[in-house]
């Protein structure tokens, strides 16, 4: 099974309170790091589609959809806090 490489330090503490994290992230760097992490997770999860079948495959597809949704939420919260688009 592929491993997920984080682009930076652990993102999980930042995910627990995105609004506070992004209020302090005026440059958008932390938001981009979280988005890169989620993209890496999606890529690793997509690699599992090549070896799984049936129910496992459907679960993996759902996970991928969930990670894409999380990326949209991260972007939306940062843009809401700062009132401008996040350049990725």
PDB file of N, CA and C in Angstrom:
ATOM      1  N   UNK A   1       0.834  -1.172   0.000  1.00  0.00           N
ATOM      2  CA  UNK A   1       0.000   0.000   0.000  1.00  0.00           C
ATOM      3  C   UNK A   1       0.883   1.240   0.000  1.00  0.00           C
ATOM      4  N   UNK A   2       0.556   2.273  -0.824  1.00  0.00           N
ATOM      5  CA  UNK A   2       1.373   3.465  -0.896  1.00  0.00           C
ATOM      6  C   UNK A   2       1.337   4.236   0.417  1.00  0.00           C
ATOM      7  N   UNK A   3       2.420   4.925   0.699  1.00  0.00           N
ATOM      8  CA  UNK A   3       2.456   5.768   1.887  1.00  0.00           C
ATOM      9  C   UNK A   3       2.162   7.200   1.495  1.00  0.00           C
ATOM     10  N   UNK A   4       1.658   7.957   2.443  1.00  0.00           N
ATOM     11  CA  UNK A   4       1.327   9.356   2.208  1.00  0.00           C
ATOM     12  C   UNK A   4       2.454  10.207   2.758  1.00  0.00           C
ATOM     13  N   UNK A   5       3.020  11.028   1.915  1.00  0.00           N
ATOM     14  CA  UNK A   5       4.079  11.928   2.330  1.00  0.00           C
ATOM     15  C   UNK A   5       3.476  13.299   2.616  1.00  0.00           C
ATOM     16  N   UNK A   6       3.721  13.817   3.800  1.00  0.00           N
ATOM     17  CA  UNK A   6       3.218  15.148   4.105  1.00  0.00           C
ATOM     18  C   UNK A   6       4.180  16.178   3.555  1.00  0.00           C
ATOM     19  N   UNK A   7       3.656  17.246   2.925  1.00  0.00           N
ATOM     20  CA  UNK A   7       4.521  18.258   2.363  1.00  0.00           C
ATOM     21  C   UNK A   7       5.188  19.111   3.436  1.00  0.00           C
ATOM     22  N   UNK A   8       4.676  19.077   4.644  1.00  0.00           N
ATOM     23  CA  UNK A   8       5.256  19.864   5.720  1.00  0.00           C
ATOM     24  C   UNK A   8       4.945  19.179   7.037  1.00  0.00           C
ATOM     25  N   UNK A   9       4.995  19.942   8.097  1.00  0.00           N
ATOM     26  CA  UNK A   9       4.695  19.396   9.417  1.00  0.00           C
ATOM     27  C   UNK A   9       3.269  18.856   9.466  1.00  0.00           C
ATOM     28  N   UNK A  10       2.963  18.127  10.468  1.00  0.00           N
ATOM     29  CA  UNK A  10       1.657  17.498  10.640  1.00  0.00           C
ATOM     30  C   UNK A  10       0.533  18.527  10.505  1.00  0.00           C
ATOM     31  N   UNK A  11      -0.439  18.243   9.650  1.00  0.00           N
ATOM     32  CA  UNK A  11      -1.545  19.183   9.410  1.00  0.00           C
ATOM     33  C   UNK A  11      -2.704  18.985  10.368  1.00  0.00           C
ATOM     34  N   UNK A  12      -2.738  17.887  11.095  1.00  0.00           N
ATOM     35  CA  UNK A  12      -3.904  17.576  11.905  1.00  0.00           C
ATOM     36  C   UNK A  12      -4.210  18.598  12.994  1.00  0.00           C
ATOM     37  N   UNK A  13      -3.225  19.147  13.700  1.00  0.00           N
ATOM     38  CA  UNK A  13      -3.574  20.191  14.684  1.00  0.00           C
ATOM     39  C   UNK A  13      -4.248  21.403  14.024  1.00  0.00           C
ATOM     40  N   UNK A  14      -3.814  21.755  12.834  1.00  0.00           N
ATOM     41  CA  UNK A  14      -4.409  22.894  12.130  1.00  0.00           C
ATOM     42  C   UNK A  14      -5.824  22.587  11.677  1.00  0.00           C
ATOM     43  N   UNK A  15      -6.111  21.331  11.359  1.00  0.00           N
ATOM     44  CA  UNK A  15      -7.443  20.959  10.893  1.00  0.00           C
ATOM     45  C   UNK A  15      -8.487  21.035  12.000  1.00  0.00           C
ATOM     46  N   UNK A  16      -8.044  20.977  13.243  1.00  0.00           N
ATOM     47  CA  UNK A  16      -8.997  20.983  14.349  1.00  0.00           C
ATOM     48  C   UNK A  16      -9.680  22.336  14.519  1.00  0.00           C
ATOM     49  N   UNK A  17      -9.055  23.409  14.059  1.00  0.00           N
ATOM     50  CA  UNK A  17      -9.667  24.740  14.153  1.00  0.00           C
ATOM     51  C   UNK A  17      -9.220  25.563  12.951  1.00  0.00           C
ATOM     52  N   UNK A  18      -9.821  25.289  11.803  1.00  0.00           N
ATOM     53  CA  UNK A  18      -9.389  25.923  10.557  1.00  0.00           C
ATOM     54  C   UNK A  18      -9.531  27.436  10.583  1.00  0.00           C
ATOM     55  N   UNK A  19     -10.608  27.924  11.151  1.00  0.00           N
ATOM     56  CA  UNK A  19     -10.804  29.383  11.139  1.00  0.00           C
ATOM     57  C   UNK A  19      -9.671  30.101  11.861  1.00  0.00           C
ATOM     58  N   UNK A  20      -9.270  29.609  13.041  1.00  0.00           N
ATOM     59  CA  UNK A  20      -8.157  30.225  13.765  1.00  0.00           C
ATOM     60  C   UNK A  20      -6.851  30.063  12.989  1.00  0.00           C
ATOM     61  N   UNK A  21      -6.628  28.866  12.471  1.00  0.00           N
ATOM     62  CA  UNK A  21      -5.411  28.613  11.698  1.00  0.00           C
ATOM     63  C   UNK A  21      -5.309  29.593  10.537  1.00  0.00           C
ATOM     64  N   UNK A  22      -6.412  29.787   9.814  1.00  0.00           N
ATOM     65  CA  UNK A  22      -6.367  30.632   8.629  1.00  0.00           C
ATOM     66  C   UNK A  22      -6.400  32.118   8.955  1.00  0.00           C
ATOM     67  N   UNK A  23      -6.924  32.480  10.103  1.00  0.00           N
ATOM     68  CA  UNK A  23      -6.875  33.887  10.510  1.00  0.00           C
ATOM     69  C   UNK A  23      -5.414  34.310  10.662  1.00  0.00           C
ATOM     70  N   UNK A  24      -4.589  33.392  11.149  1.00  0.00           N
ATOM     71  CA  UNK A  24      -3.156  33.664  11.333  1.00  0.00           C
ATOM     72  C   UNK A  24      -2.351  33.458  10.052  1.00  0.00           C
ATOM     73  N   UNK A  25      -2.968  32.934   9.007  1.00  0.00           N
ATOM     74  CA  UNK A  25      -2.286  32.558   7.761  1.00  0.00           C
ATOM     75  C   UNK A  25      -2.608  33.565   6.655  1.00  0.00           C
ATOM     76  N   UNK A  26      -2.142  34.784   6.806  1.00  0.00           N
ATOM     77  CA  UNK A  26      -2.474  35.840   5.855  1.00  0.00           C
ATOM     78  C   UNK A  26      -1.898  35.574   4.462  1.00  0.00           C
ATOM     79  N   UNK A  27      -0.777  34.885   4.383  1.00  0.00           N
ATOM     80  CA  UNK A  27      -0.147  34.628   3.083  1.00  0.00           C
ATOM     81  C   UNK A  27      -0.796  33.456   2.340  1.00  0.00           C
ATOM     82  N   UNK A  28      -1.504  32.603   3.073  1.00  0.00           N
ATOM     83  CA  UNK A  28      -2.110  31.425   2.463  1.00  0.00           C
ATOM     84  C   UNK A  28      -1.181  30.234   2.402  1.00  0.00           C
ATOM     85  N   UNK A  29       0.023  30.371   2.937  1.00  0.00           N
ATOM     86  CA  UNK A  29       0.995  29.277   2.867  1.00  0.00           C
ATOM     87  C   UNK A  29       0.516  28.029   3.592  1.00  0.00           C
ATOM     88  N   UNK A  30      -0.039  28.192   4.778  1.00  0.00           N
ATOM     89  CA  UNK A  30      -0.497  27.019   5.538  1.00  0.00           C
ATOM     90  C   UNK A  30      -1.681  26.360   4.836  1.00  0.00           C
ATOM     91  N   UNK A  31      -2.578  27.171   4.302  1.00  0.00           N
ATOM     92  CA  UNK A  31      -3.720  26.612   3.562  1.00  0.00           C
ATOM     93  C   UNK A  31      -3.226  25.810   2.363  1.00  0.00           C
ATOM     94  N   UNK A  32      -2.236  26.338   1.642  1.00  0.00           N
ATOM     95  CA  UNK A  32      -1.681  25.617   0.493  1.00  0.00           C
ATOM     96  C   UNK A  32      -1.005  24.318   0.936  1.00  0.00           C
ATOM     97  N   UNK A  33      -0.343  24.323   2.117  1.00  0.00           N
ATOM     98  CA  UNK A  33       0.281  23.102   2.632  1.00  0.00           C
ATOM     99  C   UNK A  33      -0.782  22.045   2.937  1.00  0.00           C
ATOM    100  N   UNK A  34      -1.898  22.471   3.526  1.00  0.00           N
ATOM    101  CA  UNK A  34      -2.971  21.529   3.828  1.00  0.00           C
ATOM    102  C   UNK A  34      -3.563  20.984   2.538  1.00  0.00           C
ATOM    103  N   UNK A  35      -3.766  21.858   1.554  1.00  0.00           N
ATOM    104  CA  UNK A  35      -4.293  21.406   0.264  1.00  0.00           C
ATOM    105  C   UNK A  35      -3.333  20.436  -0.414  1.00  0.00           C
ATOM    106  N   UNK A  36      -2.032  20.701  -0.311  1.00  0.00           N
ATOM    107  CA  UNK A  36      -1.037  19.795  -0.898  1.00  0.00           C
ATOM    108  C   UNK A  36      -1.077  18.445  -0.187  1.00  0.00           C
ATOM    109  N   UNK A  37      -1.239  18.458   1.121  1.00  0.00           N
ATOM    110  CA  UNK A  37      -1.351  17.207   1.874  1.00  0.00           C
ATOM    111  C   UNK A  37      -2.566  16.417   1.392  1.00  0.00           C
ATOM    112  N   UNK A  38      -3.718  17.076   1.283  1.00  0.00           N
ATOM    113  CA  UNK A  38      -4.926  16.397   0.830  1.00  0.00           C
ATOM    114  C   UNK A  38      -4.759  15.860  -0.585  1.00  0.00           C
ATOM    115  N   UNK A  39      -4.065  16.615  -1.443  1.00  0.00           N
ATOM    116  CA  UNK A  39      -3.824  16.149  -2.807  1.00  0.00           C
ATOM    117  C   UNK A  39      -2.938  14.899  -2.793  1.00  0.00           C
ATOM    118  N   UNK A  40      -1.919  14.884  -1.934  1.00  0.00           N
ATOM    119  CA  UNK A  40      -1.056  13.704  -1.814  1.00  0.00           C
ATOM    120  C   UNK A  40      -1.844  12.495  -1.336  1.00  0.00           C
ATOM    121  N   UNK A  41      -2.760  12.712  -0.399  1.00  0.00           N
ATOM    122  CA  UNK A  41      -3.589  11.613   0.098  1.00  0.00           C
ATOM    123  C   UNK A  41      -4.471  11.080  -1.031  1.00  0.00           C
ATOM    124  N   UNK A  42      -5.054  11.986  -1.809  1.00  0.00           N
ATOM    125  CA  UNK A  42      -5.886  11.563  -2.943  1.00  0.00           C
ATOM    126  C   UNK A  42      -5.054  10.749  -3.932  1.00  0.00           C
ATOM    127  N   UNK A  43      -3.870  11.234  -4.260  1.00  0.00           N
ATOM    128  CA  UNK A  43      -3.017  10.517  -5.216  1.00  0.00           C
ATOM    129  C   UNK A  43      -2.660   9.119  -4.707  1.00  0.00           C
ATOM    130  N   UNK A  44      -2.332   9.015  -3.425  1.00  0.00           N
ATOM    131  CA  UNK A  44      -2.006   7.709  -2.852  1.00  0.00           C
ATOM    132  C   UNK A  44      -3.222   6.804  -2.837  1.00  0.00           C
ATOM    133  N   UNK A  45      -4.378   7.375  -2.530  1.00  0.00           N
ATOM    134  CA  UNK A  45      -5.604   6.592  -2.493  1.00  0.00           C
ATOM    135  C   UNK A  45      -5.992   6.138  -3.891  1.00  0.00           C
ATOM    136  N   UNK A  46      -5.811   7.005  -4.886  1.00  0.00           N
ATOM    137  CA  UNK A  46      -6.105   6.619  -6.267  1.00  0.00           C
ATOM    138  C   UNK A  46      -5.221   5.466  -6.712  1.00  0.00           C
ATOM    139  N   UNK A  47      -3.989   5.419  -6.226  1.00  0.00           N
ATOM    140  CA  UNK A  47      -3.087   4.322  -6.582  1.00  0.00           C
ATOM    141  C   UNK A  47      -3.636   2.986  -6.087  1.00  0.00           C
ATOM    142  N   UNK A  48      -4.400   3.012  -4.993  1.00  0.00           N
ATOM    143  CA  UNK A  48      -4.982   1.772  -4.476  1.00  0.00           C
ATOM    144  C   UNK A  48      -6.087   1.249  -5.384  1.00  0.00           C
ATOM    145  N   UNK A  49      -6.669   2.113  -6.210  1.00  0.00           N
ATOM    146  CA  UNK A  49      -7.731   1.670  -7.121  1.00  0.00           C
ATOM    147  C   UNK A  49      -7.229   0.635  -8.112  1.00  0.00           C
ATOM    148  N   UNK A  50      -5.945   0.647  -8.400  1.00  0.00           N
ATOM    149  CA  UNK A  50      -5.371  -0.300  -9.356  1.00  0.00           C
ATOM    150  C   UNK A  50      -5.351  -1.726  -8.830  1.00  0.00           C
ATOM    151  N   UNK A  51      -5.380  -1.885  -7.517  1.00  0.00           N
ATOM    152  CA  UNK A  51      -5.258  -3.229  -6.954  1.00  0.00           C
ATOM    153  C   UNK A  51      -6.529  -3.734  -6.278  1.00  0.00           C
ATOM    154  N   UNK A  52      -7.463  -2.868  -5.976  1.00  0.00           N
ATOM    155  CA  UNK A  52      -8.678  -3.267  -5.260  1.00  0.00           C
ATOM    156  C   UNK A  52      -9.833  -3.492  -6.229  1.00  0.00           C
ATOM    157  N   UNK A  53     -10.773  -4.317  -5.821  1.00  0.00           N
ATOM    158  CA  UNK A  53     -11.960  -4.584  -6.640  1.00  0.00           C
ATOM    159  C   UNK A  53     -13.201  -4.570  -5.760  1.00  0.00           C
ATOM    160  N   UNK A  54     -14.367  -4.547  -6.396  1.00  0.00           N
ATOM    161  CA  UNK A  54     -15.637  -4.699  -5.700  1.00  0.00           C
ATOM    162  C   UNK A  54     -15.899  -3.632  -4.661  1.00  0.00           C
ATOM    163  N   UNK A  55     -16.322  -4.081  -3.488  1.00  0.00           N
ATOM    164  CA  UNK A  55     -16.703  -3.181  -2.408  1.00  0.00           C
ATOM    165  C   UNK A  55     -15.537  -2.298  -1.983  1.00  0.00           C
ATOM    166  N   UNK A  56     -14.342  -2.884  -1.894  1.00  0.00           N
ATOM    167  CA  UNK A  56     -13.171  -2.088  -1.510  1.00  0.00           C
ATOM    168  C   UNK A  56     -12.978  -0.924  -2.470  1.00  0.00           C
ATOM    169  N   UNK A  57     -13.171  -1.165  -3.728  1.00  0.00           N
ATOM    170  CA  UNK A  57     -13.013  -0.121  -4.738  1.00  0.00           C
ATOM    171  C   UNK A  57     -14.027   1.004  -4.528  1.00  0.00           C
ATOM    172  N   UNK A  58     -15.264   0.641  -4.215  1.00  0.00           N
ATOM    173  CA  UNK A  58     -16.290   1.663  -3.982  1.00  0.00           C
ATOM    174  C   UNK A  58     -15.970   2.492  -2.744  1.00  0.00           C
ATOM    175  N   UNK A  59     -15.440   1.852  -1.718  1.00  0.00           N
ATOM    176  CA  UNK A  59     -15.051   2.569  -0.505  1.00  0.00           C
ATOM    177  C   UNK A  59     -13.917   3.542  -0.819  1.00  0.00           C
ATOM    178  N   UNK A  60     -12.965   3.107  -1.602  1.00  0.00           N
ATOM    179  CA  UNK A  60     -11.833   3.964  -1.973  1.00  0.00           C
ATOM    180  C   UNK A  60     -12.323   5.170  -2.769  1.00  0.00           C
ATOM    181  N   UNK A  61     -13.253   4.957  -3.688  1.00  0.00           N
ATOM    182  CA  UNK A  61     -13.804   6.069  -4.470  1.00  0.00           C
ATOM    183  C   UNK A  61     -14.478   7.073  -3.529  1.00  0.00           C
ATOM    184  N   UNK A  62     -15.205   6.587  -2.534  1.00  0.00           N
ATOM    185  CA  UNK A  62     -15.850   7.471  -1.554  1.00  0.00           C
ATOM    186  C   UNK A  62     -14.817   8.266  -0.761  1.00  0.00           C
ATOM    187  N   UNK A  63     -13.724   7.611  -0.390  1.00  0.00           N
ATOM    188  CA  UNK A  63     -12.653   8.316   0.319  1.00  0.00           C
ATOM    189  C   UNK A  63     -12.088   9.448  -0.536  1.00  0.00           C
ATOM    190  N   UNK A  64     -11.856   9.160  -1.796  1.00  0.00           N
ATOM    191  CA  UNK A  64     -11.322  10.178  -2.706  1.00  0.00           C
ATOM    192  C   UNK A  64     -12.289  11.352  -2.791  1.00  0.00           C
ATOM    193  N   UNK A  65     -13.578  11.059  -2.935  1.00  0.00           N
ATOM    194  CA  UNK A  65     -14.573  12.131  -2.971  1.00  0.00           C
ATOM    195  C   UNK A  65     -14.548  12.948  -1.683  1.00  0.00           C
ATOM    196  N   UNK A  66     -14.362  12.283  -0.555  1.00  0.00           N
ATOM    197  CA  UNK A  66     -14.284  12.979   0.728  1.00  0.00           C
ATOM    198  C   UNK A  66     -13.077  13.897   0.822  1.00  0.00           C
ATOM    199  N   UNK A  67     -11.930  13.437   0.323  1.00  0.00           N
ATOM    200  CA  UNK A  67     -10.731  14.281   0.348  1.00  0.00           C
ATOM    201  C   UNK A  67     -10.886  15.487  -0.575  1.00  0.00           C
ATOM    202  N   UNK A  68     -11.542  15.298  -1.712  1.00  0.00           N
ATOM    203  CA  UNK A  68     -11.816  16.438  -2.595  1.00  0.00           C
ATOM    204  C   UNK A  68     -12.747  17.436  -1.904  1.00  0.00           C
ATOM    205  N   UNK A  69     -13.749  16.937  -1.205  1.00  0.00           N
ATOM    206  CA  UNK A  69     -14.662  17.817  -0.469  1.00  0.00           C
ATOM    207  C   UNK A  69     -13.908  18.574   0.619  1.00  0.00           C
ATOM    208  N   UNK A  70     -13.009  17.894   1.327  1.00  0.00           N
ATOM    209  CA  UNK A  70     -12.214  18.550   2.363  1.00  0.00           C
ATOM    210  C   UNK A  70     -11.371  19.673   1.764  1.00  0.00           C
ATOM    211  N   UNK A  71     -10.826  19.452   0.582  1.00  0.00           N
ATOM    212  CA  UNK A  71     -10.038  20.491  -0.087  1.00  0.00           C
ATOM    213  C   UNK A  71     -10.904  21.711  -0.397  1.00  0.00           C
ATOM    214  N   UNK A  72     -12.120  21.473  -0.868  1.00  0.00           N
ATOM    215  CA  UNK A  72     -13.025  22.592  -1.160  1.00  0.00           C
ATOM    216  C   UNK A  72     -13.370  23.354   0.116  1.00  0.00           C
ATOM    217  N   UNK A  73     -13.562  22.634   1.211  1.00  0.00           N
ATOM    218  CA  UNK A  73     -13.885  23.279   2.487  1.00  0.00           C
ATOM    219  C   UNK A  73     -12.714  24.121   2.972  1.00  0.00           C
ATOM    220  N   UNK A  74     -11.506  23.580   2.902  1.00  0.00           N
ATOM    221  CA  UNK A  74     -10.311  24.325   3.323  1.00  0.00           C
ATOM    222  C   UNK A  74     -10.196  25.621   2.525  1.00  0.00           C
ATOM    223  N   UNK A  75     -10.326  25.521   1.228  1.00  0.00           N
ATOM    224  CA  UNK A  75     -10.226  26.709   0.370  1.00  0.00           C
ATOM    225  C   UNK A  75     -11.341  27.713   0.719  1.00  0.00           C
ATOM    226  N   UNK A  76     -12.556  27.234   0.895  1.00  0.00           N
ATOM    227  CA  UNK A  76     -13.688  28.113   1.187  1.00  0.00           C
ATOM    228  C   UNK A  76     -13.487  28.853   2.518  1.00  0.00           C
ATOM    229  N   UNK A  77     -13.041  28.140   3.546  1.00  0.00           N
ATOM    230  CA  UNK A  77     -12.849  28.790   4.848  1.00  0.00           C
ATOM    231  C   UNK A  77     -11.760  29.841   4.762  1.00  0.00           C
ATOM    232  N   UNK A  78     -10.631  29.533   4.120  1.00  0.00           N
ATOM    233  CA  UNK A  78      -9.554  30.532   4.006  1.00  0.00           C
ATOM    234  C   UNK A  78     -10.066  31.751   3.259  1.00  0.00           C
ATOM    235  N   UNK A  79     -10.768  31.537   2.152  1.00  0.00           N
ATOM    236  CA  UNK A  79     -11.270  32.656   1.349  1.00  0.00           C
ATOM    237  C   UNK A  79     -12.308  33.457   2.117  1.00  0.00           C
ATOM    238  N   UNK A  80     -13.122  32.803   2.934  1.00  0.00           N
ATOM    239  CA  UNK A  80     -14.117  33.505   3.741  1.00  0.00           C
ATOM    240  C   UNK A  80     -13.444  34.371   4.806  1.00  0.00           C
ATOM    241  N   UNK A  81     -12.431  33.812   5.474  1.00  0.00           N
ATOM    242  CA  UNK A  81     -11.728  34.550   6.526  1.00  0.00           C
ATOM    243  C   UNK A  81     -11.023  35.773   5.958  1.00  0.00           C
ATOM    244  N   UNK A  82     -10.430  35.651   4.768  1.00  0.00           N
ATOM    245  CA  UNK A  82      -9.616  36.734   4.210  1.00  0.00           C
ATOM    246  C   UNK A  82     -10.320  37.566   3.151  1.00  0.00           C
ATOM    247  N   UNK A  83     -11.485  37.123   2.691  1.00  0.00           N
ATOM    248  CA  UNK A  83     -12.252  37.904   1.717  1.00  0.00           C
ATOM    249  C   UNK A  83     -11.604  38.002   0.349  1.00  0.00           C
ATOM    250  N   UNK A  84     -10.763  37.052   0.016  1.00  0.00           N
ATOM    251  CA  UNK A  84     -10.154  37.032  -1.324  1.00  0.00           C
ATOM    252  C   UNK A  84      -9.855  35.586  -1.709  1.00  0.00           C
ATOM    253  N   UNK A  85      -9.578  35.375  -2.983  1.00  0.00           N
ATOM    254  CA  UNK A  85      -9.319  34.029  -3.490  1.00  0.00           C
ATOM    255  C   UNK A  85      -7.934  33.552  -3.053  1.00  0.00           C
ATOM    256  N   UNK A  86      -7.840  32.265  -2.785  1.00  0.00           N
ATOM    257  CA  UNK A  86      -6.553  31.649  -2.446  1.00  0.00           C
ATOM    258  C   UNK A  86      -5.887  31.188  -3.716  1.00  0.00           C
ATOM    259  N   UNK A  87      -4.731  31.743  -4.009  1.00  0.00           N
ATOM    260  CA  UNK A  87      -3.967  31.319  -5.191  1.00  0.00           C
ATOM    261  C   UNK A  87      -3.226  30.038  -4.855  1.00  0.00           C
ATOM    262  N   UNK A  88      -3.466  29.012  -5.655  1.00  0.00           N
ATOM    263  CA  UNK A  88      -2.806  27.723  -5.405  1.00  0.00           C
ATOM    264  C   UNK A  88      -1.843  27.429  -6.531  1.00  0.00           C
TER     265      UNK A  88
END
